[in-house]
Amino acid sequence: MQEPLETELLTIPQVAQYLGVCRVYVYKLINDGLPVIRLGRVVRIHMTSLQRWLQDQEQVTDPSSCIQENKTLTALLAQN
């Protein structure tokens, strides 16, 4: 299989391989907002759009917020 170029339109299987997930999960991502190009019944994803969407999905977690969430969860569990 050829490596996709930056300007290529990718198929669902190509996106799945790129992300390391199954095709079904790619369709879930599309339903969740992954931008696509529809040509009739054909669905393609532009590599640049995919990369931009992935960057938008990236979240930075503040370690202090995890500690606070753990304390809250521990307190809730202790009440039961």
PDB file of N, CA and C in Angstrom:
ATOM      1  N   MET A   1       0.851  -1.184   0.000  1.00  0.00           N
ATOM      2  CA  MET A   1       0.000   0.000   0.000  1.00  0.00           C
ATOM      3  C   MET A   1       0.891   1.239   0.000  1.00  0.00           C
ATOM      4  N   GLN A   2       0.537   2.202  -0.813  1.00  0.00           N
ATOM      5  CA  GLN A   2       1.309   3.437  -0.877  1.00  0.00           C
ATOM      6  C   GLN A   2       1.005   4.308   0.325  1.00  0.00           C
ATOM      7  N   GLU A   3       2.013   5.063   0.751  1.00  0.00           N
ATOM      8  CA  GLU A   3       1.799   6.037   1.816  1.00  0.00           C
ATOM      9  C   GLU A   3       0.981   7.197   1.249  1.00  0.00           C
ATOM     10  N   PRO A   4      -0.040   7.686   1.989  1.00  0.00           N
ATOM     11  CA  PRO A   4      -0.857   8.789   1.479  1.00  0.00           C
ATOM     12  C   PRO A   4      -0.059  10.094   1.448  1.00  0.00           C
ATOM     13  N   LEU A   5      -0.325  10.867   0.422  1.00  0.00           N
ATOM     14  CA  LEU A   5       0.268  12.195   0.324  1.00  0.00           C
ATOM     15  C   LEU A   5      -0.593  13.175   1.103  1.00  0.00           C
ATOM     16  N   GLU A   6      -0.026  14.312   1.428  1.00  0.00           N
ATOM     17  CA  GLU A   6      -0.762  15.333   2.183  1.00  0.00           C
ATOM     18  C   GLU A   6      -2.048  15.757   1.479  1.00  0.00           C
ATOM     19  N   THR A   7      -2.069  15.706   0.153  1.00  0.00           N
ATOM     20  CA  THR A   7      -3.225  16.220  -0.580  1.00  0.00           C
ATOM     21  C   THR A   7      -4.198  15.119  -0.968  1.00  0.00           C
ATOM     22  N   GLU A   8      -3.944  13.883  -0.581  1.00  0.00           N
ATOM     23  CA  GLU A   8      -4.794  12.774  -0.980  1.00  0.00           C
ATOM     24  C   GLU A   8      -6.084  12.724  -0.181  1.00  0.00           C
ATOM     25  N   LEU A   9      -7.098  12.195  -0.843  1.00  0.00           N
ATOM     26  CA  LEU A   9      -8.338  11.859  -0.166  1.00  0.00           C
ATOM     27  C   LEU A   9      -8.219  10.410   0.268  1.00  0.00           C
ATOM     28  N   LEU A  10      -8.470  10.156   1.530  1.00  0.00           N
ATOM     29  CA  LEU A  10      -8.310   8.821   2.087  1.00  0.00           C
ATOM     30  C   LEU A  10      -9.637   8.083   2.142  1.00  0.00           C
ATOM     31  N   THR A  11      -9.575   6.778   1.968  1.00  0.00           N
ATOM     32  CA  THR A  11     -10.747   5.921   2.141  1.00  0.00           C
ATOM     33  C   THR A  11     -10.897   5.610   3.628  1.00  0.00           C
ATOM     34  N   ILE A  12     -12.021   5.034   3.989  1.00  0.00           N
ATOM     35  CA  ILE A  12     -12.256   4.639   5.380  1.00  0.00           C
ATOM     36  C   ILE A  12     -11.195   3.631   5.841  1.00  0.00           C
ATOM     37  N   PRO A  13     -10.899   2.582   5.050  1.00  0.00           N
ATOM     38  CA  PRO A  13      -9.847   1.654   5.487  1.00  0.00           C
ATOM     39  C   PRO A  13      -8.476   2.323   5.642  1.00  0.00           C
ATOM     40  N   GLN A  14      -8.154   3.280   4.805  1.00  0.00           N
ATOM     41  CA  GLN A  14      -6.876   3.988   4.935  1.00  0.00           C
ATOM     42  C   GLN A  14      -6.826   4.799   6.225  1.00  0.00           C
ATOM     43  N   VAL A  15      -7.933   5.459   6.557  1.00  0.00           N
ATOM     44  CA  VAL A  15      -7.998   6.228   7.807  1.00  0.00           C
ATOM     45  C   VAL A  15      -7.887   5.282   8.999  1.00  0.00           C
ATOM     46  N   ALA A  16      -8.568   4.138   8.921  1.00  0.00           N
ATOM     47  CA  ALA A  16      -8.500   3.159  10.005  1.00  0.00           C
ATOM     48  C   ALA A  16      -7.068   2.684  10.207  1.00  0.00           C
ATOM     49  N   GLN A  17      -6.369   2.402   9.116  1.00  0.00           N
ATOM     50  CA  GLN A  17      -4.982   1.963   9.219  1.00  0.00           C
ATOM     51  C   GLN A  17      -4.107   3.082   9.783  1.00  0.00           C
ATOM     52  N   TYR A  18      -4.311   4.302   9.327  1.00  0.00           N
ATOM     53  CA  TYR A  18      -3.534   5.450   9.789  1.00  0.00           C
ATOM     54  C   TYR A  18      -3.686   5.648  11.297  1.00  0.00           C
ATOM     55  N   LEU A  19      -4.936   5.482  11.793  1.00  0.00           N
ATOM     56  CA  LEU A  19      -5.219   5.692  13.210  1.00  0.00           C
ATOM     57  C   LEU A  19      -4.982   4.439  14.054  1.00  0.00           C
ATOM     58  N   GLY A  20      -4.865   3.289  13.391  1.00  0.00           N
ATOM     59  CA  GLY A  20      -4.690   2.043  14.124  1.00  0.00           C
ATOM     60  C   GLY A  20      -5.962   1.559  14.789  1.00  0.00           C
ATOM     61  N   VAL A  21      -7.096   1.810  14.128  1.00  0.00           N
ATOM     62  CA  VAL A  21      -8.397   1.396  14.658  1.00  0.00           C
ATOM     63  C   VAL A  21      -9.148   0.625  13.577  1.00  0.00           C
ATOM     64  N   CYS A  22     -10.303   0.073  13.919  1.00  0.00           N
ATOM     65  CA  CYS A  22     -11.112  -0.636  12.926  1.00  0.00           C
ATOM     66  C   CYS A  22     -11.980   0.349  12.135  1.00  0.00           C
ATOM     67  N   ARG A  23     -12.505  -0.133  11.011  1.00  0.00           N
ATOM     68  CA  ARG A  23     -13.328   0.725  10.156  1.00  0.00           C
ATOM     69  C   ARG A  23     -14.584   1.202  10.869  1.00  0.00           C
ATOM     70  N   VAL A  24     -15.174   0.348  11.684  1.00  0.00           N
ATOM     71  CA  VAL A  24     -16.391   0.719  12.416  1.00  0.00           C
ATOM     72  C   VAL A  24     -16.125   1.931  13.303  1.00  0.00           C
ATOM     73  N   TYR A  25     -14.957   1.960  13.927  1.00  0.00           N
ATOM     74  CA  TYR A  25     -14.622   3.086  14.797  1.00  0.00           C
ATOM     75  C   TYR A  25     -14.452   4.375  13.989  1.00  0.00           C
ATOM     76  N   VAL A  26     -13.950   4.264  12.766  1.00  0.00           N
ATOM     77  CA  VAL A  26     -13.833   5.457  11.905  1.00  0.00           C
ATOM     78  C   VAL A  26     -15.224   6.016  11.624  1.00  0.00           C
ATOM     79  N   TYR A  27     -16.201   5.142  11.358  1.00  0.00           N
ATOM     80  CA  TYR A  27     -17.571   5.617  11.138  1.00  0.00           C
ATOM     81  C   TYR A  27     -18.122   6.289  12.400  1.00  0.00           C
ATOM     82  N   LYS A  28     -17.767   5.773  13.567  1.00  0.00           N
ATOM     83  CA  LYS A  28     -18.184   6.422  14.820  1.00  0.00           C
ATOM     84  C   LYS A  28     -17.572   7.816  14.913  1.00  0.00           C
ATOM     85  N   LEU A  29     -16.281   7.937  14.549  1.00  0.00           N
ATOM     86  CA  LEU A  29     -15.627   9.245  14.568  1.00  0.00           C
ATOM     87  C   LEU A  29     -16.304  10.212  13.601  1.00  0.00           C
ATOM     88  N   ILE A  30     -16.734   9.698  12.450  1.00  0.00           N
ATOM     89  CA  ILE A  30     -17.453  10.536  11.479  1.00  0.00           C
ATOM     90  C   ILE A  30     -18.755  11.036  12.098  1.00  0.00           C
ATOM     91  N   ASN A  31     -19.473  10.152  12.772  1.00  0.00           N
ATOM     92  CA  ASN A  31     -20.711  10.560  13.449  1.00  0.00           C
ATOM     93  C   ASN A  31     -20.445  11.561  14.560  1.00  0.00           C
ATOM     94  N   ASP A  32     -19.238  11.509  15.135  1.00  0.00           N
ATOM     95  CA  ASP A  32     -18.855  12.429  16.216  1.00  0.00           C
ATOM     96  C   ASP A  32     -18.243  13.730  15.695  1.00  0.00           C
ATOM     97  N   GLY A  33     -18.151  13.887  14.366  1.00  0.00           N
ATOM     98  CA  GLY A  33     -17.687  15.164  13.838  1.00  0.00           C
ATOM     99  C   GLY A  33     -16.451  15.146  12.970  1.00  0.00           C
ATOM    100  N   LEU A  34     -15.870  13.977  12.708  1.00  0.00           N
ATOM    101  CA  LEU A  34     -14.727  13.919  11.798  1.00  0.00           C
ATOM    102  C   LEU A  34     -15.183  14.401  10.423  1.00  0.00           C
ATOM    103  N   PRO A  35     -14.533  15.434   9.854  1.00  0.00           N
ATOM    104  CA  PRO A  35     -14.991  15.986   8.580  1.00  0.00           C
ATOM    105  C   PRO A  35     -14.746  15.022   7.421  1.00  0.00           C
ATOM    106  N   VAL A  36     -15.740  14.904   6.555  1.00  0.00           N
ATOM    107  CA  VAL A  36     -15.641  14.023   5.397  1.00  0.00           C
ATOM    108  C   VAL A  36     -16.067  14.753   4.132  1.00  0.00           C
ATOM    109  N   ILE A  37     -15.721  14.161   3.017  1.00  0.00           N
ATOM    110  CA  ILE A  37     -16.196  14.614   1.713  1.00  0.00           C
ATOM    111  C   ILE A  37     -17.053  13.481   1.170  1.00  0.00           C
ATOM    112  N   ARG A  38     -18.298  13.779   0.842  1.00  0.00           N
ATOM    113  CA  ARG A  38     -19.200  12.760   0.293  1.00  0.00           C
ATOM    114  C   ARG A  38     -19.363  13.005  -1.193  1.00  0.00           C
ATOM    115  N   LEU A  39     -19.066  11.972  -1.962  1.00  0.00           N
ATOM    116  CA  LEU A  39     -19.229  12.001  -3.408  1.00  0.00           C
ATOM    117  C   LEU A  39     -20.262  10.931  -3.749  1.00  0.00           C
ATOM    118  N   GLY A  40     -21.531  11.313  -3.679  1.00  0.00           N
ATOM    119  CA  GLY A  40     -22.586  10.310  -3.791  1.00  0.00           C
ATOM    120  C   GLY A  40     -22.546   9.442  -2.549  1.00  0.00           C
ATOM    121  N   ARG A  41     -22.362   8.125  -2.758  1.00  0.00           N
ATOM    122  CA  ARG A  41     -22.278   7.209  -1.621  1.00  0.00           C
ATOM    123  C   ARG A  41     -20.843   6.994  -1.155  1.00  0.00           C
ATOM    124  N   VAL A  42     -19.901   7.586  -1.870  1.00  0.00           N
ATOM    125  CA  VAL A  42     -18.483   7.431  -1.545  1.00  0.00           C
ATOM    126  C   VAL A  42     -18.094   8.452  -0.474  1.00  0.00           C
ATOM    127  N   VAL A  43     -17.394   7.990   0.535  1.00  0.00           N
ATOM    128  CA  VAL A  43     -16.933   8.859   1.616  1.00  0.00           C
ATOM    129  C   VAL A  43     -15.412   8.905   1.569  1.00  0.00           C
ATOM    130  N   ARG A  44     -14.866  10.112   1.564  1.00  0.00           N
ATOM    131  CA  ARG A  44     -13.417  10.300   1.582  1.00  0.00           C
ATOM    132  C   ARG A  44     -13.076  11.321   2.662  1.00  0.00           C
ATOM    133  N   ILE A  45     -11.855  11.207   3.173  1.00  0.00           N
ATOM    134  CA  ILE A  45     -11.385  12.114   4.215  1.00  0.00           C
ATOM    135  C   ILE A  45     -10.061  12.699   3.758  1.00  0.00           C
ATOM    136  N   HIS A  46     -10.000  14.010   3.742  1.00  0.00           N
ATOM    137  CA  HIS A  46      -8.771  14.694   3.329  1.00  0.00           C
ATOM    138  C   HIS A  46      -7.748  14.587   4.452  1.00  0.00           C
ATOM    139  N   MET A  47      -6.511  14.226   4.100  1.00  0.00           N
ATOM    140  CA  MET A  47      -5.465  14.026   5.101  1.00  0.00           C
ATOM    141  C   MET A  47      -5.266  15.270   5.966  1.00  0.00           C
ATOM    142  N   THR A  48      -5.259  16.436   5.363  1.00  0.00           N
ATOM    143  CA  THR A  48      -5.075  17.673   6.123  1.00  0.00           C
ATOM    144  C   THR A  48      -6.220  17.879   7.115  1.00  0.00           C
ATOM    145  N   SER A  49      -7.443  17.583   6.691  1.00  0.00           N
ATOM    146  CA  SER A  49      -8.596  17.714   7.587  1.00  0.00           C
ATOM    147  C   SER A  49      -8.496  16.722   8.738  1.00  0.00           C
ATOM    148  N   LEU A  50      -8.047  15.508   8.439  1.00  0.00           N
ATOM    149  CA  LEU A  50      -7.886  14.494   9.476  1.00  0.00           C
ATOM    150  C   LEU A  50      -6.857  14.944  10.511  1.00  0.00           C
ATOM    151  N   GLN A  51      -5.727  15.427  10.045  1.00  0.00           N
ATOM    152  CA  GLN A  51      -4.682  15.869  10.966  1.00  0.00           C
ATOM    153  C   GLN A  51      -5.141  17.059  11.804  1.00  0.00           C
ATOM    154  N   ARG A  52      -5.854  17.993  11.188  1.00  0.00           N
ATOM    155  CA  ARG A  52      -6.365  19.154  11.922  1.00  0.00           C
ATOM    156  C   ARG A  52      -7.385  18.704  12.967  1.00  0.00           C
ATOM    157  N   TRP A  53      -8.272  17.775  12.587  1.00  0.00           N
ATOM    158  CA  TRP A  53      -9.293  17.276  13.505  1.00  0.00           C
ATOM    159  C   TRP A  53      -8.636  16.566  14.688  1.00  0.00           C
ATOM    160  N   LEU A  54      -7.585  15.784  14.408  1.00  0.00           N
ATOM    161  CA  LEU A  54      -6.878  15.099  15.488  1.00  0.00           C
ATOM    162  C   LEU A  54      -6.265  16.095  16.464  1.00  0.00           C
ATOM    163  N   GLN A  55      -5.683  17.166  15.936  1.00  0.00           N
ATOM    164  CA  GLN A  55      -5.106  18.190  16.813  1.00  0.00           C
ATOM    165  C   GLN A  55      -6.181  18.833  17.668  1.00  0.00           C
ATOM    166  N   ASP A  56      -7.360  19.054  17.089  1.00  0.00           N
ATOM    167  CA  ASP A  56      -8.463  19.647  17.844  1.00  0.00           C
ATOM    168  C   ASP A  56      -8.965  18.714  18.946  1.00  0.00           C
ATOM    169  N   GLN A  57      -8.782  17.396  18.758  1.00  0.00           N
ATOM    170  CA  GLN A  57      -9.248  16.422  19.750  1.00  0.00           C
ATOM    171  C   GLN A  57      -8.275  16.265  20.901  1.00  0.00           C
ATOM    172  N   GLU A  58      -7.045  16.723  20.689  1.00  0.00           N
ATOM    173  CA  GLU A  58      -6.011  16.559  21.707  1.00  0.00           C
ATOM    174  C   GLU A  58      -6.371  17.359  22.952  1.00  0.00           C
ATOM    175  N   GLN A  59      -6.257  16.702  24.094  1.00  0.00           N
ATOM    176  CA  GLN A  59      -6.564  17.352  25.359  1.00  0.00           C
ATOM    177  C   GLN A  59      -5.356  17.243  26.270  1.00  0.00           C
ATOM    178  N   VAL A  60      -5.063  18.325  26.936  1.00  0.00           N
ATOM    179  CA  VAL A  60      -3.989  18.327  27.923  1.00  0.00           C
ATOM    180  C   VAL A  60      -4.644  18.262  29.288  1.00  0.00           C
ATOM    181  N   THR A  61      -4.245  17.281  30.068  1.00  0.00           N
ATOM    182  CA  THR A  61      -4.832  17.109  31.387  1.00  0.00           C
ATOM    183  C   THR A  61      -3.900  17.698  32.435  1.00  0.00           C
ATOM    184  N   ASP A  62      -4.451  18.560  33.240  1.00  0.00           N
ATOM    185  CA  ASP A  62      -3.709  19.153  34.360  1.00  0.00           C
ATOM    186  C   ASP A  62      -3.639  18.110  35.474  1.00  0.00           C
ATOM    187  N   PRO A  63      -2.434  17.702  35.890  1.00  0.00           N
ATOM    188  CA  PRO A  63      -2.320  16.669  36.938  1.00  0.00           C
ATOM    189  C   PRO A  63      -3.083  17.015  38.207  1.00  0.00           C
ATOM    190  N   SER A  64      -3.160  18.275  38.561  1.00  0.00           N
ATOM    191  CA  SER A  64      -3.876  18.647  39.788  1.00  0.00           C
ATOM    192  C   SER A  64      -5.370  18.367  39.656  1.00  0.00           C
ATOM    193  N   SER A  65      -5.920  18.459  38.448  1.00  0.00           N
ATOM    194  CA  SER A  65      -7.342  18.171  38.276  1.00  0.00           C
ATOM    195  C   SER A  65      -7.601  16.677  38.452  1.00  0.00           C
ATOM    196  N   CYS A  66      -6.651  15.833  38.052  1.00  0.00           N
ATOM    197  CA  CYS A  66      -6.794  14.392  38.262  1.00  0.00           C
ATOM    198  C   CYS A  66      -6.791  14.060  39.740  1.00  0.00           C
ATOM    199  N   ILE A  67      -5.929  14.717  40.498  1.00  0.00           N
ATOM    200  CA  ILE A  67      -5.852  14.490  41.937  1.00  0.00           C
ATOM    201  C   ILE A  67      -7.172  14.883  42.591  1.00  0.00           C
ATOM    202  N   GLN A  68      -7.719  16.031  42.186  1.00  0.00           N
ATOM    203  CA  GLN A  68      -8.985  16.492  42.750  1.00  0.00           C
ATOM    204  C   GLN A  68     -10.110  15.520  42.400  1.00  0.00           C
ATOM    205  N   GLU A  69     -10.137  15.023  41.141  1.00  0.00           N
ATOM    206  CA  GLU A  69     -11.170  14.068  40.740  1.00  0.00           C
ATOM    207  C   GLU A  69     -11.051  12.786  41.551  1.00  0.00           C
ATOM    208  N   ASN A  70      -9.833  12.337  41.823  1.00  0.00           N
ATOM    209  CA  ASN A  70      -9.611  11.135  42.633  1.00  0.00           C
ATOM    210  C   ASN A  70     -10.140  11.330  44.044  1.00  0.00           C
ATOM    211  N   LYS A  71      -9.892  12.505  44.634  1.00  0.00           N
ATOM    212  CA  LYS A  71     -10.373  12.792  45.991  1.00  0.00           C
ATOM    213  C   LYS A  71     -11.894  12.790  46.017  1.00  0.00           C
ATOM    214  N   THR A  72     -12.501  13.385  45.003  1.00  0.00           N
ATOM    215  CA  THR A  72     -13.966  13.424  44.922  1.00  0.00           C
ATOM    216  C   THR A  72     -14.519  12.025  44.780  1.00  0.00           C
ATOM    217  N   LEU A  73     -13.940  11.212  43.922  1.00  0.00           N
ATOM    218  CA  LEU A  73     -14.392   9.847  43.723  1.00  0.00           C
ATOM    219  C   LEU A  73     -14.233   9.026  45.003  1.00  0.00           C
ATOM    220  N   THR A  74     -13.106   9.190  45.670  1.00  0.00           N
ATOM    221  CA  THR A  74     -12.863   8.478  46.932  1.00  0.00           C
ATOM    222  C   THR A  74     -13.894   8.864  47.980  1.00  0.00           C
ATOM    223  N   ALA A  75     -14.220  10.151  48.053  1.00  0.00           N
ATOM    224  CA  ALA A  75     -15.224  10.621  49.013  1.00  0.00           C
ATOM    225  C   ALA A  75     -16.612  10.036  48.691  1.00  0.00           C
ATOM    226  N   LEU A  76     -16.954   9.981  47.419  1.00  0.00           N
ATOM    227  CA  LEU A  76     -18.248   9.417  47.025  1.00  0.00           C
ATOM    228  C   LEU A  76     -18.325   7.933  47.351  1.00  0.00           C
ATOM    229  N   LEU A  77     -17.245   7.213  47.098  1.00  0.00           N
ATOM    230  CA  LEU A  77     -17.224   5.790  47.397  1.00  0.00           C
ATOM    231  C   LEU A  77     -17.284   5.536  48.895  1.00  0.00           C
ATOM    232  N   ALA A  78     -16.668   6.400  49.683  1.00  0.00           N
ATOM    233  CA  ALA A  78     -16.668   6.243  51.137  1.00  0.00           C
ATOM    234  C   ALA A  78     -18.067   6.431  51.710  1.00  0.00           C
ATOM    235  N   GLN A  79     -18.908   7.241  51.047  1.00  0.00           N
ATOM    236  CA  GLN A  79     -20.255   7.483  51.528  1.00  0.00           C
ATOM    237  C   GLN A  79     -21.139   6.255  51.368  1.00  0.00           C
ATOM    238  N   ASN A  80     -20.818   5.411  50.413  1.00  0.00           N
ATOM    239  CA  ASN A  80     -21.638   4.217  50.150  1.00  0.00           C
ATOM    240  C   ASN A  80     -21.156   3.140  51.024  1.00  0.00           C
TER     241      ASN A  80
END
